[in-house]
Amino acid sequence: MQQLILAADLGGTNVRMAVVSPDGTIHFRARRATPTARQGIVDALVGLASECRKATEHLGRVVSFGVALPAVVDFASGAVSSAPNLPELDGFAISGELSARLGLPVLLENDATAAAIGEHWLGASREFKNIIHITLGTGVGGGLILNGEPLRGVDGTAGEVGHICVEPFGHPCGCGSVGCLEQYSSGSAVVRMAVERSAEFPTSRLTRREGLTAYDVYKAAAEGDELAIEVFRTMGFYLGIALGGLVNVLNPEAITVGGGVANGWDMFHETTYRELQYRAFQRPAERVKLVRASLGDDAGTLGVACLAIKDLAKAA
């Protein structure tokens, strides 16, 4: 019977969980909608863990639990320092609560950093040692791998790519600043820009305001809608500005782009790469590879599973 890892990716909309073996094989997946209260989130994680354990008890014994979450993490205490998209978790020592209820060691990781680790372990950046990973979802997240190891920074905030300022007098951001990348290259930004600019394109089919999604904008762009195409061009332009600056600072080998908005890759990546090339120093810009992430929704769960597996190896 082998040792198994429970790995969860807690998002603002859904909680995903998987059972992973040390070689990265995913044996079982489960998911639920993310509750809105602190205790509800804990109960959902515990319930999913019980479901996963029961489904894989014939394969081995679960020995550790890793949780990726959209938050700045205090690694010393196992608490959430700040979670803008899940503010009910601010200051909550969630790792201790989960450990007590499940009887397992629990480790936490920022979700974008976890995705970067997952892609580096088994995904699109596994051949490189210096990577920037970008997650384009409801917001914009980032994870950094330097010399093969995740960079978290002294306060755990390294990689907050979504809060790089790309428009100094731009749209207000939930972080308290204005003009952040998250306000121009996220799924919510795609929808907002489509609505804001609709008057410029009176023949656009994106006339519906209520319930409009980033996927609706993508479908319209794929069908030739001028407004939708311009929104994705704008989104890619701002992403390229941010990535050009990051290439100058970090000189990575590769930039991987994942998250739900990356499904619209064909609508923005050429604009993004062109802007990156324009903004960055020539040699680093020519070297860096801009690639779409390959693990999809599994990136974060595989990332925290990788961390748990390494912890077990150290303790052995």
C-alpha atoms as a PDB file:
ATOM      1  CA  MET A   1       0.000   0.000   0.000  1.00  0.00           C
ATOM      2  CA  GLN A   2       1.481   3.307  -1.048  1.00  0.00           C
ATOM      3  CA  GLN A   3       1.546   6.686   0.649  1.00  0.00           C
ATOM      4  CA  LEU A   4      -0.901   9.182  -0.851  1.00  0.00           C
ATOM      5  CA  ILE A   5      -1.255  12.951  -0.725  1.00  0.00           C
ATOM      6  CA  LEU A   6      -4.460  14.950  -0.450  1.00  0.00           C
ATOM      7  CA  ALA A   7      -4.162  18.155  -2.454  1.00  0.00           C
ATOM      8  CA  ALA A   8      -6.734  20.946  -2.588  1.00  0.00           C
ATOM      9  CA  ASP A   9      -7.039  24.121  -4.638  1.00  0.00           C
ATOM     10  CA  LEU A  10      -9.358  26.543  -2.864  1.00  0.00           C
ATOM     11  CA  GLY A  11     -10.708  29.228  -5.190  1.00  0.00           C
ATOM     12  CA  GLY A  12     -13.252  31.971  -4.871  1.00  0.00           C
ATOM     13  CA  THR A  13     -15.782  29.926  -6.861  1.00  0.00           C
ATOM     14  CA  ASN A  14     -14.862  26.250  -6.433  1.00  0.00           C
ATOM     15  CA  VAL A  15     -12.857  23.965  -4.172  1.00  0.00           C
ATOM     16  CA  ARG A  16     -11.018  21.230  -6.077  1.00  0.00           C
ATOM     17  CA  MET A  17      -9.365  18.290  -4.379  1.00  0.00           C
ATOM     18  CA  ALA A  18      -7.349  15.321  -5.617  1.00  0.00           C
ATOM     19  CA  VAL A  19      -5.555  12.269  -4.292  1.00  0.00           C
ATOM     20  CA  VAL A  20      -2.022  12.139  -5.678  1.00  0.00           C
ATOM     21  CA  SER A  21       0.704   9.511  -5.487  1.00  0.00           C
ATOM     22  CA  PRO A  22       4.395  10.458  -5.172  1.00  0.00           C
ATOM     23  CA  ASP A  23       4.956  10.111  -8.916  1.00  0.00           C
ATOM     24  CA  GLY A  24       2.268  12.717  -9.639  1.00  0.00           C
ATOM     25  CA  THR A  25      -0.477  10.315 -10.683  1.00  0.00           C
ATOM     26  CA  ILE A  26      -3.926  11.679  -9.812  1.00  0.00           C
ATOM     27  CA  HIS A  27      -6.149   8.838  -8.629  1.00  0.00           C
ATOM     28  CA  PHE A  28      -9.328  10.699  -7.766  1.00  0.00           C
ATOM     29  CA  ARG A  29     -10.801  14.194  -8.128  1.00  0.00           C
ATOM     30  CA  ALA A  30     -13.673  15.920  -6.362  1.00  0.00           C
ATOM     31  CA  ARG A  31     -15.030  19.453  -6.233  1.00  0.00           C
ATOM     32  CA  ARG A  32     -17.629  21.637  -4.554  1.00  0.00           C
ATOM     33  CA  ALA A  33     -18.733  25.234  -4.747  1.00  0.00           C
ATOM     34  CA  THR A  34     -16.789  27.429  -2.333  1.00  0.00           C
ATOM     35  CA  PRO A  35     -18.914  28.406   0.699  1.00  0.00           C
ATOM     36  CA  THR A  36     -19.055  32.034   1.781  1.00  0.00           C
ATOM     37  CA  ALA A  37     -18.302  31.608   5.491  1.00  0.00           C
ATOM     38  CA  ARG A  38     -15.086  30.576   7.244  1.00  0.00           C
ATOM     39  CA  GLN A  39     -16.542  27.502   8.931  1.00  0.00           C
ATOM     40  CA  GLY A  40     -18.302  26.505   5.730  1.00  0.00           C
ATOM     41  CA  ILE A  41     -14.972  26.521   3.901  1.00  0.00           C
ATOM     42  CA  VAL A  42     -13.380  24.315   6.542  1.00  0.00           C
ATOM     43  CA  ASP A  43     -16.363  21.948   6.482  1.00  0.00           C
ATOM     44  CA  ALA A  44     -16.197  21.743   2.684  1.00  0.00           C
ATOM     45  CA  LEU A  45     -12.497  20.867   2.771  1.00  0.00           C
ATOM     46  CA  VAL A  46     -13.065  18.240   5.459  1.00  0.00           C
ATOM     47  CA  GLY A  47     -16.013  16.775   3.563  1.00  0.00           C
ATOM     48  CA  LEU A  48     -14.062  16.554   0.313  1.00  0.00           C
ATOM     49  CA  ALA A  49     -11.134  15.004   2.159  1.00  0.00           C
ATOM     50  CA  SER A  50     -13.379  12.306   3.573  1.00  0.00           C
ATOM     51  CA  GLU A  51     -14.802  11.627   0.101  1.00  0.00           C
ATOM     52  CA  CYS A  52     -11.327  11.384  -1.412  1.00  0.00           C
ATOM     53  CA  ARG A  53     -10.009   9.116   1.327  1.00  0.00           C
ATOM     54  CA  LYS A  54     -12.919   6.747   1.039  1.00  0.00           C
ATOM     55  CA  ALA A  55     -12.603   6.556  -2.750  1.00  0.00           C
ATOM     56  CA  THR A  56      -8.906   5.657  -2.631  1.00  0.00           C
ATOM     57  CA  GLU A  57      -8.546   3.645   0.583  1.00  0.00           C
ATOM     58  CA  HIS A  58      -7.880   0.524  -1.484  1.00  0.00           C
ATOM     59  CA  LEU A  59      -4.823   2.193  -3.046  1.00  0.00           C
ATOM     60  CA  GLY A  60      -2.975   3.301   0.054  1.00  0.00           C
ATOM     61  CA  ARG A  61      -2.942   5.591   3.075  1.00  0.00           C
ATOM     62  CA  VAL A  62      -3.246   9.384   2.921  1.00  0.00           C
ATOM     63  CA  VAL A  63      -0.321  10.805   4.889  1.00  0.00           C
ATOM     64  CA  SER A  64      -0.359  14.558   4.211  1.00  0.00           C
ATOM     65  CA  PHE A  65      -2.629  17.375   3.025  1.00  0.00           C
ATOM     66  CA  GLY A  66      -1.595  20.368   0.920  1.00  0.00           C
ATOM     67  CA  VAL A  67      -3.893  23.338   0.323  1.00  0.00           C
ATOM     68  CA  ALA A  68      -3.433  26.024  -2.322  1.00  0.00           C
ATOM     69  CA  LEU A  69      -5.439  29.178  -1.685  1.00  0.00           C
ATOM     70  CA  PRO A  70      -5.692  32.717  -3.090  1.00  0.00           C
ATOM     71  CA  ALA A  71      -3.922  34.350  -0.183  1.00  0.00           C
ATOM     72  CA  VAL A  72      -0.728  35.614   1.344  1.00  0.00           C
ATOM     73  CA  VAL A  73       0.319  32.847   3.718  1.00  0.00           C
ATOM     74  CA  ASP A  74       2.187  33.071   7.027  1.00  0.00           C
ATOM     75  CA  PHE A  75       4.193  29.884   6.644  1.00  0.00           C
ATOM     76  CA  ALA A  76       5.495  29.915  10.226  1.00  0.00           C
ATOM     77  CA  SER A  77       2.020  29.865  11.799  1.00  0.00           C
ATOM     78  CA  GLY A  78       0.010  28.173   9.051  1.00  0.00           C
ATOM     79  CA  ALA A  79      -2.363  31.132   9.005  1.00  0.00           C
ATOM     80  CA  VAL A  80      -3.797  33.263   6.227  1.00  0.00           C
ATOM     81  CA  SER A  81      -2.321  36.753   6.366  1.00  0.00           C
ATOM     82  CA  SER A  82      -4.528  38.262   3.682  1.00  0.00           C
ATOM     83  CA  ALA A  83      -7.055  36.805   1.236  1.00  0.00           C
ATOM     84  CA  PRO A  84      -8.669  39.618  -0.821  1.00  0.00           C
ATOM     85  CA  ASN A  85     -11.007  37.215  -2.648  1.00  0.00           C
ATOM     86  CA  LEU A  86     -11.852  35.235   0.514  1.00  0.00           C
ATOM     87  CA  PRO A  87     -11.655  37.898   3.250  1.00  0.00           C
ATOM     88  CA  GLU A  88     -13.431  35.637   5.722  1.00  0.00           C
ATOM     89  CA  LEU A  89     -10.129  33.736   5.996  1.00  0.00           C
ATOM     90  CA  ASP A  90      -8.007  36.761   6.958  1.00  0.00           C
ATOM     91  CA  GLY A  91      -6.002  35.981  10.081  1.00  0.00           C
ATOM     92  CA  PHE A  92      -7.376  32.437  10.301  1.00  0.00           C
ATOM     93  CA  ALA A  93      -5.005  29.615  11.304  1.00  0.00           C
ATOM     94  CA  ILE A  94      -6.667  27.267   8.840  1.00  0.00           C
ATOM     95  CA  SER A  95      -3.853  24.741   8.760  1.00  0.00           C
ATOM     96  CA  GLY A  96      -4.184  23.967  12.477  1.00  0.00           C
ATOM     97  CA  GLU A  97      -7.967  23.614  12.218  1.00  0.00           C
ATOM     98  CA  LEU A  98      -7.730  21.220   9.280  1.00  0.00           C
ATOM     99  CA  SER A  99      -4.949  19.209  10.875  1.00  0.00           C
ATOM    100  CA  ALA A 100      -6.962  18.729  14.071  1.00  0.00           C
ATOM    101  CA  ARG A 101     -10.062  17.564  12.203  1.00  0.00           C
ATOM    102  CA  LEU A 102      -8.305  15.288   9.709  1.00  0.00           C
ATOM    103  CA  GLY A 103      -5.413  13.967  11.756  1.00  0.00           C
ATOM    104  CA  LEU A 104      -2.942  14.936   9.031  1.00  0.00           C
ATOM    105  CA  PRO A 105      -0.057  17.384   8.663  1.00  0.00           C
ATOM    106  CA  VAL A 106      -1.293  20.325   6.593  1.00  0.00           C
ATOM    107  CA  LEU A 107       0.741  22.731   4.502  1.00  0.00           C
ATOM    108  CA  LEU A 108      -0.454  25.882   2.770  1.00  0.00           C
ATOM    109  CA  GLU A 109       0.699  27.634  -0.382  1.00  0.00           C
ATOM    110  CA  ASN A 110      -0.425  30.604  -2.432  1.00  0.00           C
ATOM    111  CA  ASP A 111      -2.474  29.274  -5.338  1.00  0.00           C
ATOM    112  CA  ALA A 112      -0.468  30.920  -8.132  1.00  0.00           C
ATOM    113  CA  THR A 113       2.819  29.786  -6.606  1.00  0.00           C
ATOM    114  CA  ALA A 114       1.362  26.292  -6.289  1.00  0.00           C
ATOM    115  CA  ALA A 115       0.394  26.366  -9.968  1.00  0.00           C
ATOM    116  CA  ALA A 116       3.929  27.467 -10.846  1.00  0.00           C
ATOM    117  CA  ILE A 117       5.330  24.539  -8.853  1.00  0.00           C
ATOM    118  CA  GLY A 118       2.922  22.122 -10.529  1.00  0.00           C
ATOM    119  CA  GLU A 119       3.830  23.294 -14.026  1.00  0.00           C
ATOM    120  CA  HIS A 120       7.515  23.106 -13.128  1.00  0.00           C
ATOM    121  CA  TRP A 121       7.130  19.562 -11.777  1.00  0.00           C
ATOM    122  CA  LEU A 122       4.994  17.968 -14.477  1.00  0.00           C
ATOM    123  CA  GLY A 123       3.840  20.656 -16.880  1.00  0.00           C
ATOM    124  CA  ALA A 124       4.893  23.150 -19.518  1.00  0.00           C
ATOM    125  CA  SER A 125       7.956  24.487 -17.672  1.00  0.00           C
ATOM    126  CA  ARG A 126       9.460  21.205 -16.445  1.00  0.00           C
ATOM    127  CA  GLU A 127      12.544  21.641 -18.648  1.00  0.00           C
ATOM    128  CA  PHE A 128      13.434  25.043 -17.171  1.00  0.00           C
ATOM    129  CA  LYS A 129      14.854  26.311 -13.878  1.00  0.00           C
ATOM    130  CA  ASN A 130      13.814  29.971 -14.056  1.00  0.00           C
ATOM    131  CA  ILE A 131      10.117  30.530 -14.723  1.00  0.00           C
ATOM    132  CA  ILE A 132       7.392  33.099 -14.294  1.00  0.00           C
ATOM    133  CA  HIS A 133       3.930  31.574 -14.117  1.00  0.00           C
ATOM    134  CA  ILE A 134       0.886  33.762 -14.732  1.00  0.00           C
ATOM    135  CA  THR A 135      -2.646  32.723 -13.795  1.00  0.00           C
ATOM    136  CA  LEU A 136      -5.384  34.599 -15.638  1.00  0.00           C
ATOM    137  CA  GLY A 137      -8.707  33.991 -13.943  1.00  0.00           C
ATOM    138  CA  THR A 138     -11.188  36.206 -12.149  1.00  0.00           C
ATOM    139  CA  GLY A 139      -8.034  38.039 -11.070  1.00  0.00           C
ATOM    140  CA  VAL A 140      -4.391  37.787 -12.110  1.00  0.00           C
ATOM    141  CA  GLY A 141      -1.930  35.763 -10.046  1.00  0.00           C
ATOM    142  CA  GLY A 142       1.727  34.980 -10.420  1.00  0.00           C
ATOM    143  CA  GLY A 143       4.289  32.478  -9.188  1.00  0.00           C
ATOM    144  CA  LEU A 144       8.069  32.580  -9.486  1.00  0.00           C
ATOM    145  CA  ILE A 145      10.503  29.691  -9.776  1.00  0.00           C
ATOM    146  CA  LEU A 146      14.152  30.779  -9.613  1.00  0.00           C
ATOM    147  CA  ASN A 147      16.996  28.287  -9.847  1.00  0.00           C
ATOM    148  CA  GLY A 148      14.428  25.519  -9.541  1.00  0.00           C
ATOM    149  CA  GLU A 149      12.924  26.758  -6.258  1.00  0.00           C
ATOM    150  CA  PRO A 150       9.805  28.831  -5.542  1.00  0.00           C
ATOM    151  CA  LEU A 151      10.448  32.440  -4.559  1.00  0.00           C
ATOM    152  CA  ARG A 152       7.986  33.657  -1.922  1.00  0.00           C
ATOM    153  CA  GLY A 153       9.722  36.752  -0.567  1.00  0.00           C
ATOM    154  CA  VAL A 154      10.282  37.757   3.047  1.00  0.00           C
ATOM    155  CA  ASP A 155       6.563  38.453   3.604  1.00  0.00           C
ATOM    156  CA  GLY A 156       5.220  35.768   1.292  1.00  0.00           C
ATOM    157  CA  THR A 157       4.045  38.273  -1.317  1.00  0.00           C
ATOM    158  CA  ALA A 158       6.554  37.626  -4.113  1.00  0.00           C
ATOM    159  CA  GLY A 159       4.867  36.943  -7.430  1.00  0.00           C
ATOM    160  CA  GLU A 160       1.912  39.317  -7.018  1.00  0.00           C
ATOM    161  CA  VAL A 161       2.036  40.016 -10.736  1.00  0.00           C
ATOM    162  CA  GLY A 162      -1.608  41.076 -10.847  1.00  0.00           C
ATOM    163  CA  HIS A 163      -0.791  44.197  -8.848  1.00  0.00           C
ATOM    164  CA  ILE A 164       1.935  45.553 -11.071  1.00  0.00           C
ATOM    165  CA  CYS A 165       0.781  48.991 -12.177  1.00  0.00           C
ATOM    166  CA  VAL A 166       0.363  49.145 -15.958  1.00  0.00           C
ATOM    167  CA  GLU A 167      -1.804  52.298 -16.122  1.00  0.00           C
ATOM    168  CA  PRO A 168      -0.809  54.942 -13.517  1.00  0.00           C
ATOM    169  CA  PHE A 169      -4.189  56.714 -13.526  1.00  0.00           C
ATOM    170  CA  GLY A 170      -6.224  53.665 -14.423  1.00  0.00           C
ATOM    171  CA  HIS A 171      -9.135  51.689 -13.062  1.00  0.00           C
ATOM    172  CA  PRO A 172      -9.337  51.298  -9.250  1.00  0.00           C
ATOM    173  CA  CYS A 173      -8.211  47.916  -7.923  1.00  0.00           C
ATOM    174  CA  GLY A 174      -9.447  45.974  -4.924  1.00  0.00           C
ATOM    175  CA  CYS A 175      -5.934  46.104  -3.472  1.00  0.00           C
ATOM    176  CA  GLY A 176      -6.344  49.850  -2.921  1.00  0.00           C
ATOM    177  CA  SER A 177      -4.198  51.003  -5.821  1.00  0.00           C
ATOM    178  CA  VAL A 178      -5.208  51.937  -9.367  1.00  0.00           C
ATOM    179  CA  GLY A 179      -4.235  50.676 -12.811  1.00  0.00           C
ATOM    180  CA  CYS A 180      -3.135  47.195 -11.709  1.00  0.00           C
ATOM    181  CA  LEU A 181      -2.666  44.477 -14.327  1.00  0.00           C
ATOM    182  CA  GLU A 182      -5.589  42.618 -12.727  1.00  0.00           C
ATOM    183  CA  GLN A 183      -7.865  45.434 -13.897  1.00  0.00           C
ATOM    184  CA  TYR A 184      -6.853  44.935 -17.532  1.00  0.00           C
ATOM    185  CA  SER A 185      -5.940  41.285 -18.123  1.00  0.00           C
ATOM    186  CA  SER A 186      -8.285  39.219 -15.925  1.00  0.00           C
ATOM    187  CA  GLY A 187     -11.587  37.606 -16.802  1.00  0.00           C
ATOM    188  CA  SER A 188     -13.486  40.298 -14.914  1.00  0.00           C
ATOM    189  CA  ALA A 189     -11.484  42.959 -16.767  1.00  0.00           C
ATOM    190  CA  VAL A 190     -12.380  41.433 -20.139  1.00  0.00           C
ATOM    191  CA  VAL A 191     -16.072  41.707 -19.267  1.00  0.00           C
ATOM    192  CA  ARG A 192     -15.747  45.239 -17.879  1.00  0.00           C
ATOM    193  CA  MET A 193     -13.866  46.521 -20.922  1.00  0.00           C
ATOM    194  CA  ALA A 194     -16.410  44.958 -23.279  1.00  0.00           C
ATOM    195  CA  VAL A 195     -19.221  46.803 -21.499  1.00  0.00           C
ATOM    196  CA  GLU A 196     -17.304  50.091 -21.194  1.00  0.00           C
ATOM    197  CA  ARG A 197     -16.327  50.190 -24.864  1.00  0.00           C
ATOM    198  CA  SER A 198     -19.547  48.929 -26.398  1.00  0.00           C
ATOM    199  CA  ALA A 199     -20.605  52.432 -27.529  1.00  0.00           C
ATOM    200  CA  GLU A 200     -17.507  52.579 -29.761  1.00  0.00           C
ATOM    201  CA  PHE A 201     -18.694  49.478 -31.645  1.00  0.00           C
ATOM    202  CA  PRO A 202     -22.437  49.880 -32.267  1.00  0.00           C
ATOM    203  CA  THR A 203     -22.591  46.849 -34.566  1.00  0.00           C
ATOM    204  CA  SER A 204     -21.043  44.485 -32.009  1.00  0.00           C
ATOM    205  CA  ARG A 205     -23.072  41.433 -31.063  1.00  0.00           C
ATOM    206  CA  LEU A 206     -22.015  41.965 -27.435  1.00  0.00           C
ATOM    207  CA  THR A 207     -25.050  44.061 -26.659  1.00  0.00           C
ATOM    208  CA  ARG A 208     -26.101  42.079 -23.581  1.00  0.00           C
ATOM    209  CA  ARG A 209     -24.954  43.607 -20.304  1.00  0.00           C
ATOM    210  CA  GLU A 210     -26.426  41.278 -17.705  1.00  0.00           C
ATOM    211  CA  GLY A 211     -24.691  37.937 -17.310  1.00  0.00           C
ATOM    212  CA  LEU A 212     -21.932  38.649 -19.841  1.00  0.00           C
ATOM    213  CA  THR A 213     -18.898  36.402 -19.289  1.00  0.00           C
ATOM    214  CA  ALA A 214     -15.317  36.384 -20.523  1.00  0.00           C
ATOM    215  CA  TYR A 215     -16.178  33.254 -22.476  1.00  0.00           C
ATOM    216  CA  ASP A 216     -18.945  35.164 -24.272  1.00  0.00           C
ATOM    217  CA  VAL A 217     -16.388  37.778 -25.272  1.00  0.00           C
ATOM    218  CA  TYR A 218     -13.986  35.078 -26.437  1.00  0.00           C
ATOM    219  CA  LYS A 219     -16.665  33.375 -28.564  1.00  0.00           C
ATOM    220  CA  ALA A 220     -17.536  36.698 -30.148  1.00  0.00           C
ATOM    221  CA  ALA A 221     -13.869  37.396 -30.887  1.00  0.00           C
ATOM    222  CA  ALA A 222     -13.463  33.978 -32.487  1.00  0.00           C
ATOM    223  CA  GLU A 223     -16.438  34.817 -34.722  1.00  0.00           C
ATOM    224  CA  GLY A 224     -14.901  38.128 -35.807  1.00  0.00           C
ATOM    225  CA  ASP A 225     -16.683  40.608 -33.540  1.00  0.00           C
ATOM    226  CA  GLU A 226     -14.633  43.840 -33.643  1.00  0.00           C
ATOM    227  CA  LEU A 227     -15.358  44.892 -30.065  1.00  0.00           C
ATOM    228  CA  ALA A 228     -14.401  41.479 -28.681  1.00  0.00           C
ATOM    229  CA  ILE A 229     -11.217  41.389 -30.764  1.00  0.00           C
ATOM    230  CA  GLU A 230     -10.264  44.856 -29.499  1.00  0.00           C
ATOM    231  CA  VAL A 231     -10.905  43.845 -25.878  1.00  0.00           C
ATOM    232  CA  PHE A 232      -8.550  40.875 -26.188  1.00  0.00           C
ATOM    233  CA  ARG A 233      -5.989  43.017 -27.993  1.00  0.00           C
ATOM    234  CA  THR A 234      -6.111  45.497 -25.109  1.00  0.00           C
ATOM    235  CA  MET A 235      -5.911  42.700 -22.551  1.00  0.00           C
ATOM    236  CA  GLY A 236      -2.852  41.222 -24.306  1.00  0.00           C
ATOM    237  CA  PHE A 237      -1.226  44.654 -24.651  1.00  0.00           C
ATOM    238  CA  TYR A 238      -1.304  45.311 -20.902  1.00  0.00           C
ATOM    239  CA  LEU A 239      -0.161  41.781 -20.113  1.00  0.00           C
ATOM    240  CA  GLY A 240       2.795  42.316 -22.441  1.00  0.00           C
ATOM    241  CA  ILE A 241       3.744  45.552 -20.665  1.00  0.00           C
ATOM    242  CA  ALA A 242       3.886  43.725 -17.325  1.00  0.00           C
ATOM    243  CA  LEU A 243       5.761  40.735 -18.711  1.00  0.00           C
ATOM    244  CA  GLY A 244       8.326  42.942 -20.424  1.00  0.00           C
ATOM    245  CA  GLY A 245       9.168  44.525 -17.090  1.00  0.00           C
ATOM    246  CA  LEU A 246       9.362  41.139 -15.394  1.00  0.00           C
ATOM    247  CA  VAL A 247      11.702  39.833 -18.089  1.00  0.00           C
ATOM    248  CA  ASN A 248      14.012  42.803 -17.471  1.00  0.00           C
ATOM    249  CA  VAL A 249      14.009  42.188 -13.714  1.00  0.00           C
ATOM    250  CA  LEU A 250      14.150  38.382 -13.570  1.00  0.00           C
ATOM    251  CA  ASN A 251      15.591  37.239 -16.934  1.00  0.00           C
ATOM    252  CA  PRO A 252      13.557  33.987 -16.995  1.00  0.00           C
ATOM    253  CA  GLU A 253      13.842  31.116 -19.436  1.00  0.00           C
ATOM    254  CA  ALA A 254      10.083  30.748 -19.803  1.00  0.00           C
ATOM    255  CA  ILE A 255       6.777  32.375 -18.946  1.00  0.00           C
ATOM    256  CA  THR A 256       3.814  30.029 -18.624  1.00  0.00           C
ATOM    257  CA  VAL A 257       0.270  31.361 -18.804  1.00  0.00           C
ATOM    258  CA  GLY A 258      -2.619  29.423 -17.283  1.00  0.00           C
ATOM    259  CA  GLY A 259      -6.041  29.992 -15.763  1.00  0.00           C
ATOM    260  CA  GLY A 260      -9.461  30.156 -17.375  1.00  0.00           C
ATOM    261  CA  VAL A 261      -8.725  33.222 -19.501  1.00  0.00           C
ATOM    262  CA  ALA A 262      -5.790  31.368 -21.067  1.00  0.00           C
ATOM    263  CA  ASN A 263      -8.453  29.439 -23.005  1.00  0.00           C
ATOM    264  CA  GLY A 264      -8.544  32.561 -25.172  1.00  0.00           C
ATOM    265  CA  TRP A 265      -4.804  32.197 -25.869  1.00  0.00           C
ATOM    266  CA  ASP A 266      -5.198  32.496 -29.636  1.00  0.00           C
ATOM    267  CA  MET A 267      -6.883  35.889 -29.192  1.00  0.00           C
ATOM    268  CA  PHE A 268      -4.122  37.612 -27.204  1.00  0.00           C
ATOM    269  CA  HIS A 269      -0.778  35.806 -27.119  1.00  0.00           C
ATOM    270  CA  GLU A 270       0.665  37.382 -30.268  1.00  0.00           C
ATOM    271  CA  THR A 271      -0.112  40.877 -28.962  1.00  0.00           C
ATOM    272  CA  THR A 272       1.358  39.975 -25.587  1.00  0.00           C
ATOM    273  CA  TYR A 273       4.548  38.563 -27.061  1.00  0.00           C
ATOM    274  CA  ARG A 274       4.985  41.524 -29.404  1.00  0.00           C
ATOM    275  CA  GLU A 275       4.622  43.984 -26.530  1.00  0.00           C
ATOM    276  CA  LEU A 276       6.991  41.947 -24.341  1.00  0.00           C
ATOM    277  CA  GLN A 277       9.591  42.061 -27.133  1.00  0.00           C
ATOM    278  CA  TYR A 278       9.171  45.827 -27.436  1.00  0.00           C
ATOM    279  CA  ARG A 279       9.466  46.500 -23.683  1.00  0.00           C
ATOM    280  CA  ALA A 280      12.254  44.115 -22.632  1.00  0.00           C
ATOM    281  CA  PHE A 281      15.988  44.134 -23.299  1.00  0.00           C
ATOM    282  CA  GLN A 282      16.760  42.415 -26.575  1.00  0.00           C
ATOM    283  CA  ARG A 283      18.696  39.341 -25.459  1.00  0.00           C
ATOM    284  CA  PRO A 284      16.399  38.346 -22.543  1.00  0.00           C
ATOM    285  CA  ALA A 285      13.359  39.007 -24.760  1.00  0.00           C
ATOM    286  CA  GLU A 286      14.721  36.765 -27.497  1.00  0.00           C
ATOM    287  CA  ARG A 287      15.593  34.037 -25.005  1.00  0.00           C
ATOM    288  CA  VAL A 288      12.348  33.826 -23.052  1.00  0.00           C
ATOM    289  CA  LYS A 289       9.662  31.426 -24.238  1.00  0.00           C
ATOM    290  CA  LEU A 290       6.038  32.457 -23.795  1.00  0.00           C
ATOM    291  CA  VAL A 291       3.981  29.284 -23.567  1.00  0.00           C
ATOM    292  CA  ARG A 292       0.525  28.220 -22.516  1.00  0.00           C
ATOM    293  CA  ALA A 293       0.418  26.174 -19.307  1.00  0.00           C
ATOM    294  CA  SER A 294      -0.438  22.515 -19.837  1.00  0.00           C
ATOM    295  CA  LEU A 295      -1.915  21.198 -16.576  1.00  0.00           C
ATOM    296  CA  GLY A 296      -5.193  23.134 -16.557  1.00  0.00           C
ATOM    297  CA  ASP A 297      -7.154  22.879 -13.307  1.00  0.00           C
ATOM    298  CA  ASP A 298      -4.678  20.314 -11.947  1.00  0.00           C
ATOM    299  CA  ALA A 299      -1.735  22.748 -11.734  1.00  0.00           C
ATOM    300  CA  GLY A 300      -2.443  24.002  -8.215  1.00  0.00           C
ATOM    301  CA  THR A 301      -3.296  20.622  -6.722  1.00  0.00           C
ATOM    302  CA  LEU A 302      -0.189  19.042  -8.243  1.00  0.00           C
ATOM    303  CA  GLY A 303       1.882  21.943  -6.945  1.00  0.00           C
ATOM    304  CA  VAL A 304       0.876  21.504  -3.303  1.00  0.00           C
ATOM    305  CA  ALA A 305       1.149  17.731  -3.698  1.00  0.00           C
ATOM    306  CA  CYS A 306       4.734  18.228  -4.870  1.00  0.00           C
ATOM    307  CA  LEU A 307       5.507  20.320  -1.780  1.00  0.00           C
ATOM    308  CA  ALA A 308       3.981  17.701   0.519  1.00  0.00           C
ATOM    309  CA  ILE A 309       5.958  14.920  -1.167  1.00  0.00           C
ATOM    310  CA  LYS A 310       9.193  16.875  -0.702  1.00  0.00           C
ATOM    311  CA  ASP A 311       8.371  17.453   2.970  1.00  0.00           C
ATOM    312  CA  LEU A 312       7.815  13.732   3.478  1.00  0.00           C
ATOM    313  CA  ALA A 313      11.138  12.959   1.796  1.00  0.00           C
ATOM    314  CA  LYS A 314      12.953  15.388   4.106  1.00  0.00           C
ATOM    315  CA  ALA A 315      11.356  13.833   7.176  1.00  0.00           C
ATOM    316  CA  ALA A 316      12.226  10.277   6.143  1.00  0.00           C
END
